[in-house]
Amino acid sequence: MAARIYQRPQSAMQSGKARTEEWVLEFEQSEARRPDPLMGWTGSGDTQAQVHLTFPDMDAAKAYAEKYGIAARVHLTPARTLKIQAYADNFR
């Protein structure tokens, strides 16, 4: 059972930093998705792919994975860079 640990990204519709500090442990799919013949929806019998666990920091997520024997890969978030600019710069 493989999983990945990552920090939740900021939504495109989000200007604040709500819920961007927490870390998520998400299980990878173990079987391929297939279309349902009657309705046409895609799905699989893999219920682990629906599980998303949140943690306050990366160390807690790693400790949980080690405790339960989950092979987890950590995806680090790139550093945020701010472009400091004054409003008056728009008119130069």
C-alpha atoms as a PDB file:
ATOM      1  CA  MET A   1       0.000   0.000   0.000  1.00  0.00           C
ATOM      2  CA  ALA A   2       1.694   3.173  -1.219  1.00  0.00           C
ATOM      3  CA  ALA A   3       0.852   6.743  -0.302  1.00  0.00           C
ATOM      4  CA  ARG A   4       2.081  10.253  -0.849  1.00  0.00           C
ATOM      5  CA  ILE A   5       2.481  13.065   1.654  1.00  0.00           C
ATOM      6  CA  TYR A   6       2.144  16.638   0.460  1.00  0.00           C
ATOM      7  CA  GLN A   7       1.200  20.080   1.704  1.00  0.00           C
ATOM      8  CA  ARG A   8      -2.207  21.219   0.519  1.00  0.00           C
ATOM      9  CA  PRO A   9      -1.811  23.881  -2.224  1.00  0.00           C
ATOM     10  CA  GLN A  10      -3.647  27.169  -2.285  1.00  0.00           C
ATOM     11  CA  SER A  11      -6.790  27.065  -4.419  1.00  0.00           C
ATOM     12  CA  ALA A  12      -7.052  29.315  -7.470  1.00  0.00           C
ATOM     13  CA  MET A  13     -10.194  30.819  -5.935  1.00  0.00           C
ATOM     14  CA  GLN A  14      -8.490  31.454  -2.613  1.00  0.00           C
ATOM     15  CA  SER A  15      -6.676  34.636  -1.634  1.00  0.00           C
ATOM     16  CA  GLY A  16      -6.010  33.682   1.992  1.00  0.00           C
ATOM     17  CA  LYS A  17      -3.898  30.946   3.521  1.00  0.00           C
ATOM     18  CA  ALA A  18      -6.666  28.864   5.132  1.00  0.00           C
ATOM     19  CA  ARG A  19      -5.846  25.129   5.313  1.00  0.00           C
ATOM     20  CA  THR A  20      -2.586  25.563   3.363  1.00  0.00           C
ATOM     21  CA  GLU A  21      -0.417  24.795   6.390  1.00  0.00           C
ATOM     22  CA  GLU A  22      -1.707  21.244   6.908  1.00  0.00           C
ATOM     23  CA  TRP A  23      -0.172  18.141   5.378  1.00  0.00           C
ATOM     24  CA  VAL A  24      -2.168  15.426   3.607  1.00  0.00           C
ATOM     25  CA  LEU A  25      -1.496  11.686   3.413  1.00  0.00           C
ATOM     26  CA  GLU A  26      -3.238  10.322   0.325  1.00  0.00           C
ATOM     27  CA  PHE A  27      -3.195   6.700  -0.817  1.00  0.00           C
ATOM     28  CA  GLU A  28      -2.335   5.910  -4.427  1.00  0.00           C
ATOM     29  CA  GLN A  29      -4.665   3.903  -6.640  1.00  0.00           C
ATOM     30  CA  SER A  30      -4.026   0.173  -6.557  1.00  0.00           C
ATOM     31  CA  GLU A  31      -6.252  -0.728  -9.499  1.00  0.00           C
ATOM     32  CA  ALA A  32      -7.200   1.030 -12.692  1.00  0.00           C
ATOM     33  CA  ARG A  33     -10.454   2.911 -13.099  1.00  0.00           C
ATOM     34  CA  ARG A  34     -12.960   1.494 -15.554  1.00  0.00           C
ATOM     35  CA  PRO A  35     -16.241   2.822 -16.983  1.00  0.00           C
ATOM     36  CA  ASP A  36     -19.504   1.474 -15.638  1.00  0.00           C
ATOM     37  CA  PRO A  37     -21.385  -0.182 -18.531  1.00  0.00           C
ATOM     38  CA  LEU A  38     -24.821   1.045 -17.437  1.00  0.00           C
ATOM     39  CA  MET A  39     -24.255   4.659 -16.379  1.00  0.00           C
ATOM     40  CA  GLY A  40     -20.891   5.415 -17.982  1.00  0.00           C
ATOM     41  CA  TRP A  41     -19.348   6.663 -14.727  1.00  0.00           C
ATOM     42  CA  THR A  42     -15.735   5.785 -14.055  1.00  0.00           C
ATOM     43  CA  GLY A  43     -14.845   4.009 -10.860  1.00  0.00           C
ATOM     44  CA  SER A  44     -12.961   1.161  -9.269  1.00  0.00           C
ATOM     45  CA  GLY A  45     -13.206  -1.180  -6.328  1.00  0.00           C
ATOM     46  CA  ASP A  46     -10.286   0.544  -4.627  1.00  0.00           C
ATOM     47  CA  THR A  47     -11.664   2.234  -1.503  1.00  0.00           C
ATOM     48  CA  GLN A  48      -8.250   3.311  -0.150  1.00  0.00           C
ATOM     49  CA  ALA A  49      -7.969   5.968  -2.874  1.00  0.00           C
ATOM     50  CA  GLN A  50     -10.876   7.816  -1.218  1.00  0.00           C
ATOM     51  CA  VAL A  51      -8.998   8.247   2.082  1.00  0.00           C
ATOM     52  CA  HIS A  52      -7.300  11.615   2.745  1.00  0.00           C
ATOM     53  CA  LEU A  53      -5.754  12.063   6.188  1.00  0.00           C
ATOM     54  CA  THR A  54      -4.669  15.524   7.354  1.00  0.00           C
ATOM     55  CA  PHE A  55      -1.857  16.292   9.801  1.00  0.00           C
ATOM     56  CA  PRO A  56      -0.567  19.528  11.347  1.00  0.00           C
ATOM     57  CA  ASP A  57       3.009  18.964  10.115  1.00  0.00           C
ATOM     58  CA  MET A  58       5.102  16.703   7.905  1.00  0.00           C
ATOM     59  CA  ASP A  59       6.719  14.843  10.820  1.00  0.00           C
ATOM     60  CA  ALA A  60       3.321  13.735  12.147  1.00  0.00           C
ATOM     61  CA  ALA A  61       2.345  12.402   8.720  1.00  0.00           C
ATOM     62  CA  LYS A  62       5.642  10.512   8.387  1.00  0.00           C
ATOM     63  CA  ALA A  63       5.279   9.070  11.894  1.00  0.00           C
ATOM     64  CA  TYR A  64       1.762   7.830  11.077  1.00  0.00           C
ATOM     65  CA  ALA A  65       2.988   6.173   7.866  1.00  0.00           C
ATOM     66  CA  GLU A  66       5.870   4.469   9.678  1.00  0.00           C
ATOM     67  CA  LYS A  67       3.644   3.318  12.533  1.00  0.00           C
ATOM     68  CA  TYR A  68       1.222   1.547  10.193  1.00  0.00           C
ATOM     69  CA  GLY A  69       3.815   0.322   7.659  1.00  0.00           C
ATOM     70  CA  ILE A  70       2.723   2.540   4.794  1.00  0.00           C
ATOM     71  CA  ALA A  71       5.328   3.214   2.109  1.00  0.00           C
ATOM     72  CA  ALA A  72       4.960   6.975   1.730  1.00  0.00           C
ATOM     73  CA  ARG A  73       6.749   9.440  -0.536  1.00  0.00           C
ATOM     74  CA  VAL A  74       7.044  13.062   0.575  1.00  0.00           C
ATOM     75  CA  HIS A  75       6.446  15.814  -2.001  1.00  0.00           C
ATOM     76  CA  LEU A  76       7.909  19.061  -0.689  1.00  0.00           C
ATOM     77  CA  THR A  77       6.240  22.341  -1.534  1.00  0.00           C
ATOM     78  CA  PRO A  78       8.416  24.851  -3.396  1.00  0.00           C
ATOM     79  CA  ALA A  79       9.176  28.059  -1.527  1.00  0.00           C
ATOM     80  CA  ARG A  80       6.767  30.912  -2.142  1.00  0.00           C
ATOM     81  CA  THR A  81       8.253  34.044  -3.635  1.00  0.00           C
ATOM     82  CA  LEU A  82       6.485  37.365  -3.281  1.00  0.00           C
ATOM     83  CA  LYS A  83       6.821  40.124  -5.809  1.00  0.00           C
ATOM     84  CA  ILE A  84       6.767  43.270  -3.707  1.00  0.00           C
ATOM     85  CA  GLN A  85       5.405  46.079  -5.820  1.00  0.00           C
ATOM     86  CA  ALA A  86       3.867  49.445  -5.057  1.00  0.00           C
ATOM     87  CA  TYR A  87       0.571  50.506  -6.614  1.00  0.00           C
ATOM     88  CA  ALA A  88       2.314  53.512  -8.172  1.00  0.00           C
ATOM     89  CA  ASP A  89       4.486  51.169 -10.259  1.00  0.00           C
ATOM     90  CA  ASN A  90       1.434  50.419 -12.421  1.00  0.00           C
ATOM     91  CA  PHE A  91       1.588  53.965 -13.819  1.00  0.00           C
ATOM     92  CA  ARG A  92       5.278  54.257 -14.709  1.00  0.00           C
END
